[in-house]
Amino acid sequence: MMRFSRLPRLVTATLGIFFALATLAPLPFAIVLPGEAQNIFKGVITFKGLTNYPASGRIDLMSIRVTNPDAWIFGPELVYSWISGNRAVYPKSAIYPPGTSTEEESKQAKEDMVKSQDTAIIAAVNYLQSHPEIMAETKSQGIDRASQLDTKKVVFKTGETGGPSGGLVFSIGLVELLTEKDLLQKRHIAGTGTITARGIVGPIGGINEKISSARKVGATIFFAPVENAEEIANVPAGIKVITVATLAQAISYLERTATKAG
């Protein structure tokens, strides 16, 4: 049997001080938590004199909460976040550019949100003009209606939510509201992803936190960027994640599954 002698008191004390300082010292990490869900049909999207139709279902804009760039994260909070089932820990440099202040990040998030809204309008209008048959009972009526769409007549109100990740959800919502066809058929969906004017869906951060939040509020379908597919893990029971590369793919999925939903 091997025997181990105790460490000298000085060494023990030194190690104790080291671990105490490690616990108290701020660490260069950011913590990501699930955010809130906003039903975009409840005052988020409104119109000024533009013909629109009531939605039968619900579409949620998902968000995440992230510790701000100036926040100090300490050992105990970091450990708790690692073992918690609803938090994620990232190096701060993976979320914020070096030297970014909280004020700068807040300003950028607001600018990104406005840009995502403007781009979502263009993406939705481009989709409707290239698919006029979805706008009315006949293709000719759809073409006429699509040609009259005015992007300046769409208004967004998202409160304090910032960032570019609402683009896909905004675009789907606009297509639903501007067409006679009932795409949702009383379904509750959610999603995330940036959008370009051509309807290309881009990746975002916090994908798993958003999926978890969506399920908690009752969503059964979640649209996610195809570029985030490899990150998706531990999907809660009761929600189906559909990865898409374009707005057209998301709309096509809703059309294909509409009869089953009804």
C-alpha atoms as a PDB file:
ATOM      1  CA  MET A   1       0.000   0.000   0.000  1.00  0.00           C
ATOM      2  CA  MET A   2       1.372   3.394  -0.993  1.00  0.00           C
ATOM      3  CA  ARG A   3       1.243   6.250   1.459  1.00  0.00           C
ATOM      4  CA  PHE A   4       0.883   9.893   0.563  1.00  0.00           C
ATOM      5  CA  SER A   5       2.159  12.560   2.854  1.00  0.00           C
ATOM      6  CA  ARG A   6       0.155  15.689   3.429  1.00  0.00           C
ATOM      7  CA  LEU A   7       1.070  18.837   1.534  1.00  0.00           C
ATOM      8  CA  PRO A   8       3.024  21.396   3.556  1.00  0.00           C
ATOM      9  CA  ARG A   9       0.815  24.015   5.152  1.00  0.00           C
ATOM     10  CA  LEU A  10       2.388  26.764   3.051  1.00  0.00           C
ATOM     11  CA  VAL A  11       1.559  24.932  -0.174  1.00  0.00           C
ATOM     12  CA  THR A  12      -1.991  24.228   1.031  1.00  0.00           C
ATOM     13  CA  ALA A  13      -2.482  27.872   1.949  1.00  0.00           C
ATOM     14  CA  THR A  14      -1.077  29.015  -1.389  1.00  0.00           C
ATOM     15  CA  LEU A  15      -3.415  26.714  -3.315  1.00  0.00           C
ATOM     16  CA  GLY A  16      -6.342  27.912  -1.230  1.00  0.00           C
ATOM     17  CA  ILE A  17      -5.562  31.532  -2.031  1.00  0.00           C
ATOM     18  CA  PHE A  18      -5.146  30.665  -5.717  1.00  0.00           C
ATOM     19  CA  PHE A  19      -8.553  28.999  -5.967  1.00  0.00           C
ATOM     20  CA  ALA A  20     -10.184  31.775  -3.978  1.00  0.00           C
ATOM     21  CA  LEU A  21      -8.776  34.381  -6.346  1.00  0.00           C
ATOM     22  CA  ALA A  22      -9.850  32.302  -9.344  1.00  0.00           C
ATOM     23  CA  THR A  23     -13.377  32.274  -7.958  1.00  0.00           C
ATOM     24  CA  LEU A  24     -13.441  36.021  -7.302  1.00  0.00           C
ATOM     25  CA  ALA A  25     -11.616  37.194 -10.428  1.00  0.00           C
ATOM     26  CA  PRO A  26     -13.729  38.342 -13.408  1.00  0.00           C
ATOM     27  CA  LEU A  27     -13.519  35.992 -16.392  1.00  0.00           C
ATOM     28  CA  PRO A  28     -13.752  36.789 -20.149  1.00  0.00           C
ATOM     29  CA  PHE A  29     -16.977  34.911 -20.843  1.00  0.00           C
ATOM     30  CA  ALA A  30     -20.551  35.788 -21.815  1.00  0.00           C
ATOM     31  CA  ILE A  31     -23.669  33.951 -20.671  1.00  0.00           C
ATOM     32  CA  VAL A  32     -26.606  33.356 -23.022  1.00  0.00           C
ATOM     33  CA  LEU A  33     -30.086  32.741 -21.602  1.00  0.00           C
ATOM     34  CA  PRO A  34     -33.465  32.133 -23.251  1.00  0.00           C
ATOM     35  CA  GLY A  35     -35.403  35.333 -23.910  1.00  0.00           C
ATOM     36  CA  GLU A  36     -39.045  36.163 -24.526  1.00  0.00           C
ATOM     37  CA  ALA A  37     -41.432  35.261 -27.330  1.00  0.00           C
ATOM     38  CA  GLN A  38     -43.377  38.006 -29.123  1.00  0.00           C
ATOM     39  CA  ASN A  39     -46.446  37.125 -31.162  1.00  0.00           C
ATOM     40  CA  ILE A  40     -45.877  39.289 -34.240  1.00  0.00           C
ATOM     41  CA  PHE A  41     -49.624  39.405 -34.916  1.00  0.00           C
ATOM     42  CA  LYS A  42     -50.194  41.225 -31.609  1.00  0.00           C
ATOM     43  CA  GLY A  43     -49.116  44.745 -32.503  1.00  0.00           C
ATOM     44  CA  VAL A  44     -45.624  43.964 -33.796  1.00  0.00           C
ATOM     45  CA  ILE A  45     -46.634  44.287 -37.473  1.00  0.00           C
ATOM     46  CA  THR A  46     -49.249  46.845 -38.520  1.00  0.00           C
ATOM     47  CA  PHE A  47     -50.216  48.457 -41.818  1.00  0.00           C
ATOM     48  CA  LYS A  48     -51.077  51.955 -43.016  1.00  0.00           C
ATOM     49  CA  GLY A  49     -53.794  51.661 -45.629  1.00  0.00           C
ATOM     50  CA  LEU A  50     -52.518  48.373 -47.028  1.00  0.00           C
ATOM     51  CA  THR A  51     -55.026  45.560 -47.567  1.00  0.00           C
ATOM     52  CA  ASN A  52     -54.270  42.694 -45.180  1.00  0.00           C
ATOM     53  CA  TYR A  53     -55.989  39.627 -43.821  1.00  0.00           C
ATOM     54  CA  PRO A  54     -56.287  38.202 -40.277  1.00  0.00           C
ATOM     55  CA  ALA A  55     -53.990  35.329 -39.371  1.00  0.00           C
ATOM     56  CA  SER A  56     -55.547  32.179 -37.992  1.00  0.00           C
ATOM     57  CA  GLY A  57     -52.445  31.049 -36.114  1.00  0.00           C
ATOM     58  CA  ARG A  58     -49.493  32.535 -34.294  1.00  0.00           C
ATOM     59  CA  ILE A  59     -45.895  33.325 -35.238  1.00  0.00           C
ATOM     60  CA  ASP A  60     -43.404  34.116 -32.478  1.00  0.00           C
ATOM     61  CA  LEU A  61     -40.333  36.311 -32.721  1.00  0.00           C
ATOM     62  CA  MET A  62     -37.772  34.650 -30.443  1.00  0.00           C
ATOM     63  CA  SER A  63     -35.008  36.408 -28.561  1.00  0.00           C
ATOM     64  CA  ILE A  64     -32.151  35.594 -26.224  1.00  0.00           C
ATOM     65  CA  ARG A  65     -30.614  37.456 -23.298  1.00  0.00           C
ATOM     66  CA  VAL A  66     -26.858  37.935 -23.239  1.00  0.00           C
ATOM     67  CA  THR A  67     -24.695  39.448 -20.517  1.00  0.00           C
ATOM     68  CA  ASN A  68     -23.518  42.822 -21.784  1.00  0.00           C
ATOM     69  CA  PRO A  69     -19.938  43.481 -22.932  1.00  0.00           C
ATOM     70  CA  ASP A  70     -19.048  45.360 -19.735  1.00  0.00           C
ATOM     71  CA  ALA A  71     -20.397  42.672 -17.383  1.00  0.00           C
ATOM     72  CA  TRP A  72     -18.004  40.861 -15.069  1.00  0.00           C
ATOM     73  CA  ILE A  73     -18.608  37.116 -14.887  1.00  0.00           C
ATOM     74  CA  PHE A  74     -17.247  35.386 -11.798  1.00  0.00           C
ATOM     75  CA  GLY A  75     -16.405  31.746 -11.141  1.00  0.00           C
ATOM     76  CA  PRO A  76     -19.552  30.669  -9.232  1.00  0.00           C
ATOM     77  CA  GLU A  77     -21.876  32.145 -11.860  1.00  0.00           C
ATOM     78  CA  LEU A  78     -19.838  30.546 -14.627  1.00  0.00           C
ATOM     79  CA  VAL A  79     -19.978  27.113 -12.986  1.00  0.00           C
ATOM     80  CA  TYR A  80     -23.724  27.449 -12.397  1.00  0.00           C
ATOM     81  CA  SER A  81     -24.248  28.401 -16.039  1.00  0.00           C
ATOM     82  CA  TRP A  82     -22.229  25.406 -17.236  1.00  0.00           C
ATOM     83  CA  ILE A  83     -24.265  22.929 -15.226  1.00  0.00           C
ATOM     84  CA  SER A  84     -27.598  24.659 -15.809  1.00  0.00           C
ATOM     85  CA  GLY A  85     -29.828  23.219 -18.473  1.00  0.00           C
ATOM     86  CA  ASN A  86     -31.054  26.555 -19.834  1.00  0.00           C
ATOM     87  CA  ARG A  87     -27.855  28.600 -20.125  1.00  0.00           C
ATOM     88  CA  ALA A  88     -24.886  28.586 -22.477  1.00  0.00           C
ATOM     89  CA  VAL A  89     -21.386  29.951 -21.924  1.00  0.00           C
ATOM     90  CA  TYR A  90     -19.273  31.432 -24.721  1.00  0.00           C
ATOM     91  CA  PRO A  91     -15.960  33.286 -24.808  1.00  0.00           C
ATOM     92  CA  LYS A  92     -16.842  36.959 -24.811  1.00  0.00           C
ATOM     93  CA  SER A  93     -14.781  37.404 -27.978  1.00  0.00           C
ATOM     94  CA  ALA A  94     -17.113  34.986 -29.793  1.00  0.00           C
ATOM     95  CA  ILE A  95     -20.068  37.311 -29.209  1.00  0.00           C
ATOM     96  CA  TYR A  96     -18.668  40.830 -29.046  1.00  0.00           C
ATOM     97  CA  PRO A  97     -15.864  42.456 -31.055  1.00  0.00           C
ATOM     98  CA  PRO A  98     -12.912  43.378 -28.811  1.00  0.00           C
ATOM     99  CA  GLY A  99     -13.367  46.699 -27.062  1.00  0.00           C
ATOM    100  CA  THR A 100     -17.142  46.892 -27.617  1.00  0.00           C
ATOM    101  CA  SER A 101     -18.990  48.804 -24.909  1.00  0.00           C
ATOM    102  CA  THR A 102     -22.532  48.154 -23.718  1.00  0.00           C
ATOM    103  CA  GLU A 103     -23.659  51.448 -25.246  1.00  0.00           C
ATOM    104  CA  GLU A 104     -22.133  50.574 -28.616  1.00  0.00           C
ATOM    105  CA  GLU A 105     -23.671  47.097 -28.563  1.00  0.00           C
ATOM    106  CA  SER A 106     -27.122  48.473 -27.720  1.00  0.00           C
ATOM    107  CA  LYS A 107     -26.915  50.982 -30.557  1.00  0.00           C
ATOM    108  CA  GLN A 108     -25.777  48.319 -33.020  1.00  0.00           C
ATOM    109  CA  ALA A 109     -28.559  45.927 -31.942  1.00  0.00           C
ATOM    110  CA  LYS A 110     -31.203  48.573 -32.605  1.00  0.00           C
ATOM    111  CA  GLU A 111     -29.723  49.378 -36.015  1.00  0.00           C
ATOM    112  CA  ASP A 112     -29.612  45.672 -36.888  1.00  0.00           C
ATOM    113  CA  MET A 113     -33.272  45.280 -35.911  1.00  0.00           C
ATOM    114  CA  VAL A 114     -34.397  48.179 -38.112  1.00  0.00           C
ATOM    115  CA  LYS A 115     -32.335  46.853 -41.018  1.00  0.00           C
ATOM    116  CA  SER A 116     -33.804  43.360 -40.583  1.00  0.00           C
ATOM    117  CA  GLN A 117     -37.321  44.804 -40.695  1.00  0.00           C
ATOM    118  CA  ASP A 118     -36.645  46.829 -43.839  1.00  0.00           C
ATOM    119  CA  THR A 119     -35.048  43.844 -45.541  1.00  0.00           C
ATOM    120  CA  ALA A 120     -37.871  41.528 -44.454  1.00  0.00           C
ATOM    121  CA  ILE A 121     -40.408  43.805 -46.148  1.00  0.00           C
ATOM    122  CA  ILE A 122     -38.443  43.726 -49.404  1.00  0.00           C
ATOM    123  CA  ALA A 123     -37.976  39.941 -49.162  1.00  0.00           C
ATOM    124  CA  ALA A 124     -41.707  39.400 -48.597  1.00  0.00           C
ATOM    125  CA  VAL A 125     -42.710  41.742 -51.428  1.00  0.00           C
ATOM    126  CA  ASN A 126     -40.215  40.081 -53.792  1.00  0.00           C
ATOM    127  CA  TYR A 127     -41.616  36.679 -52.868  1.00  0.00           C
ATOM    128  CA  LEU A 128     -45.231  37.763 -53.401  1.00  0.00           C
ATOM    129  CA  GLN A 129     -44.469  39.424 -56.714  1.00  0.00           C
ATOM    130  CA  SER A 130     -42.762  36.260 -57.945  1.00  0.00           C
ATOM    131  CA  HIS A 131     -45.597  34.077 -56.558  1.00  0.00           C
ATOM    132  CA  PRO A 132     -48.725  36.164 -57.306  1.00  0.00           C
ATOM    133  CA  GLU A 133     -50.948  33.077 -57.259  1.00  0.00           C
ATOM    134  CA  ILE A 134     -50.656  32.979 -53.474  1.00  0.00           C
ATOM    135  CA  MET A 135     -52.129  36.461 -53.039  1.00  0.00           C
ATOM    136  CA  ALA A 136     -55.626  35.877 -54.391  1.00  0.00           C
ATOM    137  CA  GLU A 137     -58.024  33.304 -55.785  1.00  0.00           C
ATOM    138  CA  THR A 138     -56.808  33.895 -59.343  1.00  0.00           C
ATOM    139  CA  LYS A 139     -53.308  34.559 -60.666  1.00  0.00           C
ATOM    140  CA  SER A 140     -54.394  37.740 -62.480  1.00  0.00           C
ATOM    141  CA  GLN A 141     -55.834  39.165 -59.246  1.00  0.00           C
ATOM    142  CA  GLY A 142     -52.638  38.214 -57.481  1.00  0.00           C
ATOM    143  CA  ILE A 143     -50.459  39.952 -60.057  1.00  0.00           C
ATOM    144  CA  ASP A 144     -52.549  43.115 -59.762  1.00  0.00           C
ATOM    145  CA  ARG A 145     -52.438  43.063 -55.967  1.00  0.00           C
ATOM    146  CA  ALA A 146     -48.713  42.294 -55.825  1.00  0.00           C
ATOM    147  CA  SER A 147     -47.938  45.248 -58.084  1.00  0.00           C
ATOM    148  CA  GLN A 148     -49.649  47.595 -55.607  1.00  0.00           C
ATOM    149  CA  LEU A 149     -47.641  46.587 -52.544  1.00  0.00           C
ATOM    150  CA  ASP A 150     -46.053  49.621 -50.897  1.00  0.00           C
ATOM    151  CA  THR A 151     -43.192  48.886 -48.515  1.00  0.00           C
ATOM    152  CA  LYS A 152     -43.684  52.244 -46.774  1.00  0.00           C
ATOM    153  CA  LYS A 153     -47.074  51.143 -45.465  1.00  0.00           C
ATOM    154  CA  VAL A 154     -45.673  48.454 -43.151  1.00  0.00           C
ATOM    155  CA  VAL A 155     -44.898  49.409 -39.532  1.00  0.00           C
ATOM    156  CA  PHE A 156     -42.972  47.399 -36.922  1.00  0.00           C
ATOM    157  CA  LYS A 157     -43.013  47.757 -33.138  1.00  0.00           C
ATOM    158  CA  THR A 158     -40.680  45.372 -31.306  1.00  0.00           C
ATOM    159  CA  GLY A 159     -39.968  47.283 -28.106  1.00  0.00           C
ATOM    160  CA  GLU A 160     -36.474  46.718 -26.713  1.00  0.00           C
ATOM    161  CA  THR A 161     -35.748  43.607 -28.781  1.00  0.00           C
ATOM    162  CA  GLY A 162     -32.706  44.142 -30.992  1.00  0.00           C
ATOM    163  CA  GLY A 163     -30.504  42.317 -33.461  1.00  0.00           C
ATOM    164  CA  PRO A 164     -30.961  40.980 -37.007  1.00  0.00           C
ATOM    165  CA  SER A 165     -32.349  37.505 -36.259  1.00  0.00           C
ATOM    166  CA  GLY A 166     -36.040  38.354 -36.726  1.00  0.00           C
ATOM    167  CA  GLY A 167     -35.774  38.740 -40.503  1.00  0.00           C
ATOM    168  CA  LEU A 168     -37.142  35.309 -41.437  1.00  0.00           C
ATOM    169  CA  VAL A 169     -40.053  35.478 -38.983  1.00  0.00           C
ATOM    170  CA  PHE A 170     -41.008  38.990 -40.131  1.00  0.00           C
ATOM    171  CA  SER A 171     -40.986  37.861 -43.775  1.00  0.00           C
ATOM    172  CA  ILE A 172     -43.177  34.819 -43.101  1.00  0.00           C
ATOM    173  CA  GLY A 173     -45.577  36.963 -41.100  1.00  0.00           C
ATOM    174  CA  LEU A 174     -45.876  39.524 -43.876  1.00  0.00           C
ATOM    175  CA  VAL A 175     -46.596  36.854 -46.475  1.00  0.00           C
ATOM    176  CA  GLU A 176     -49.291  35.412 -44.202  1.00  0.00           C
ATOM    177  CA  LEU A 177     -50.929  38.793 -43.548  1.00  0.00           C
ATOM    178  CA  LEU A 178     -50.840  40.022 -47.151  1.00  0.00           C
ATOM    179  CA  THR A 179     -52.397  36.943 -48.730  1.00  0.00           C
ATOM    180  CA  GLU A 180     -55.916  35.569 -48.690  1.00  0.00           C
ATOM    181  CA  LYS A 181     -54.530  32.045 -48.397  1.00  0.00           C
ATOM    182  CA  ASP A 182     -54.419  30.713 -44.840  1.00  0.00           C
ATOM    183  CA  LEU A 183     -50.894  29.331 -44.530  1.00  0.00           C
ATOM    184  CA  LEU A 184     -50.906  28.813 -40.785  1.00  0.00           C
ATOM    185  CA  GLN A 185     -54.289  27.109 -40.358  1.00  0.00           C
ATOM    186  CA  LYS A 186     -54.312  27.808 -36.611  1.00  0.00           C
ATOM    187  CA  ARG A 187     -50.777  26.501 -36.106  1.00  0.00           C
ATOM    188  CA  HIS A 188     -48.363  28.025 -33.611  1.00  0.00           C
ATOM    189  CA  ILE A 189     -44.927  28.472 -35.151  1.00  0.00           C
ATOM    190  CA  ALA A 190     -41.736  30.249 -34.195  1.00  0.00           C
ATOM    191  CA  GLY A 191     -38.392  30.771 -35.843  1.00  0.00           C
ATOM    192  CA  THR A 192     -35.219  32.723 -36.235  1.00  0.00           C
ATOM    193  CA  GLY A 193     -32.732  33.713 -38.906  1.00  0.00           C
ATOM    194  CA  THR A 194     -31.485  36.730 -40.785  1.00  0.00           C
ATOM    195  CA  ILE A 195     -32.938  37.481 -44.216  1.00  0.00           C
ATOM    196  CA  THR A 196     -31.687  39.130 -47.399  1.00  0.00           C
ATOM    197  CA  ALA A 197     -33.756  41.000 -49.977  1.00  0.00           C
ATOM    198  CA  ARG A 198     -33.592  37.859 -52.138  1.00  0.00           C
ATOM    199  CA  GLY A 199     -35.026  35.778 -49.295  1.00  0.00           C
ATOM    200  CA  ILE A 200     -31.809  34.008 -48.292  1.00  0.00           C
ATOM    201  CA  VAL A 201     -31.833  32.898 -44.645  1.00  0.00           C
ATOM    202  CA  GLY A 202     -28.655  33.408 -42.600  1.00  0.00           C
ATOM    203  CA  PRO A 203     -27.347  31.903 -39.321  1.00  0.00           C
ATOM    204  CA  ILE A 204     -27.821  33.373 -35.860  1.00  0.00           C
ATOM    205  CA  GLY A 205     -26.652  32.799 -32.291  1.00  0.00           C
ATOM    206  CA  GLY A 206     -28.437  31.115 -29.393  1.00  0.00           C
ATOM    207  CA  ILE A 207     -30.342  28.648 -31.561  1.00  0.00           C
ATOM    208  CA  ASN A 208     -30.933  26.038 -28.852  1.00  0.00           C
ATOM    209  CA  GLU A 209     -32.051  28.622 -26.299  1.00  0.00           C
ATOM    210  CA  LYS A 210     -34.591  29.956 -28.798  1.00  0.00           C
ATOM    211  CA  ILE A 211     -35.956  26.503 -29.613  1.00  0.00           C
ATOM    212  CA  SER A 212     -36.356  25.761 -25.910  1.00  0.00           C
ATOM    213  CA  SER A 213     -38.182  29.038 -25.298  1.00  0.00           C
ATOM    214  CA  ALA A 214     -40.440  28.475 -28.299  1.00  0.00           C
ATOM    215  CA  ARG A 215     -41.568  25.105 -26.990  1.00  0.00           C
ATOM    216  CA  LYS A 216     -42.261  26.536 -23.545  1.00  0.00           C
ATOM    217  CA  VAL A 217     -44.751  29.019 -25.021  1.00  0.00           C
ATOM    218  CA  GLY A 218     -46.485  26.315 -27.063  1.00  0.00           C
ATOM    219  CA  ALA A 219     -44.931  26.473 -30.545  1.00  0.00           C
ATOM    220  CA  THR A 220     -45.008  23.180 -32.434  1.00  0.00           C
ATOM    221  CA  ILE A 221     -42.968  24.215 -35.502  1.00  0.00           C
ATOM    222  CA  PHE A 222     -39.661  26.073 -35.440  1.00  0.00           C
ATOM    223  CA  PHE A 223     -37.947  27.419 -38.569  1.00  0.00           C
ATOM    224  CA  ALA A 224     -34.160  27.556 -38.217  1.00  0.00           C
ATOM    225  CA  PRO A 225     -31.374  28.536 -40.630  1.00  0.00           C
ATOM    226  CA  VAL A 226     -29.866  25.525 -42.386  1.00  0.00           C
ATOM    227  CA  GLU A 227     -26.420  26.889 -41.473  1.00  0.00           C
ATOM    228  CA  ASN A 228     -27.272  26.366 -37.789  1.00  0.00           C
ATOM    229  CA  ALA A 229     -28.291  22.722 -38.323  1.00  0.00           C
ATOM    230  CA  GLU A 230     -25.132  21.196 -36.829  1.00  0.00           C
ATOM    231  CA  GLU A 231     -25.519  23.234 -33.632  1.00  0.00           C
ATOM    232  CA  ILE A 232     -29.058  22.098 -32.884  1.00  0.00           C
ATOM    233  CA  ALA A 233     -29.186  19.638 -29.998  1.00  0.00           C
ATOM    234  CA  ASN A 234     -31.591  18.277 -27.385  1.00  0.00           C
ATOM    235  CA  VAL A 235     -34.742  19.430 -29.162  1.00  0.00           C
ATOM    236  CA  PRO A 236     -37.657  19.336 -26.677  1.00  0.00           C
ATOM    237  CA  ALA A 237     -40.481  16.894 -27.309  1.00  0.00           C
ATOM    238  CA  GLY A 238     -43.498  18.409 -29.028  1.00  0.00           C
ATOM    239  CA  ILE A 239     -41.719  20.810 -31.396  1.00  0.00           C
ATOM    240  CA  LYS A 240     -40.479  20.064 -34.913  1.00  0.00           C
ATOM    241  CA  VAL A 241     -37.427  21.973 -36.148  1.00  0.00           C
ATOM    242  CA  ILE A 242     -37.422  22.721 -39.883  1.00  0.00           C
ATOM    243  CA  THR A 243     -34.143  24.010 -41.284  1.00  0.00           C
ATOM    244  CA  VAL A 244     -34.467  26.277 -44.315  1.00  0.00           C
ATOM    245  CA  ALA A 245     -32.107  28.149 -46.606  1.00  0.00           C
ATOM    246  CA  THR A 246     -34.697  30.519 -48.059  1.00  0.00           C
ATOM    247  CA  LEU A 247     -38.001  32.204 -47.299  1.00  0.00           C
ATOM    248  CA  ALA A 248     -39.512  30.261 -50.209  1.00  0.00           C
ATOM    249  CA  GLN A 249     -38.647  26.958 -48.508  1.00  0.00           C
ATOM    250  CA  ALA A 250     -40.395  28.031 -45.303  1.00  0.00           C
ATOM    251  CA  ILE A 251     -43.536  29.103 -47.172  1.00  0.00           C
ATOM    252  CA  SER A 252     -43.460  25.909 -49.239  1.00  0.00           C
ATOM    253  CA  TYR A 253     -43.353  23.813 -46.058  1.00  0.00           C
ATOM    254  CA  LEU A 254     -46.368  25.648 -44.644  1.00  0.00           C
ATOM    255  CA  GLU A 255     -48.280  25.136 -47.894  1.00  0.00           C
ATOM    256  CA  ARG A 256     -47.434  21.424 -48.116  1.00  0.00           C
ATOM    257  CA  THR A 257     -48.472  20.734 -44.544  1.00  0.00           C
ATOM    258  CA  ALA A 258     -51.475  23.071 -44.411  1.00  0.00           C
ATOM    259  CA  THR A 259     -54.040  20.411 -45.326  1.00  0.00           C
ATOM    260  CA  LYS A 260     -52.722  18.023 -42.673  1.00  0.00           C
ATOM    261  CA  ALA A 261     -52.855  20.804 -40.093  1.00  0.00           C
ATOM    262  CA  GLY A 262     -56.395  21.671 -41.015  1.00  0.00           C
END
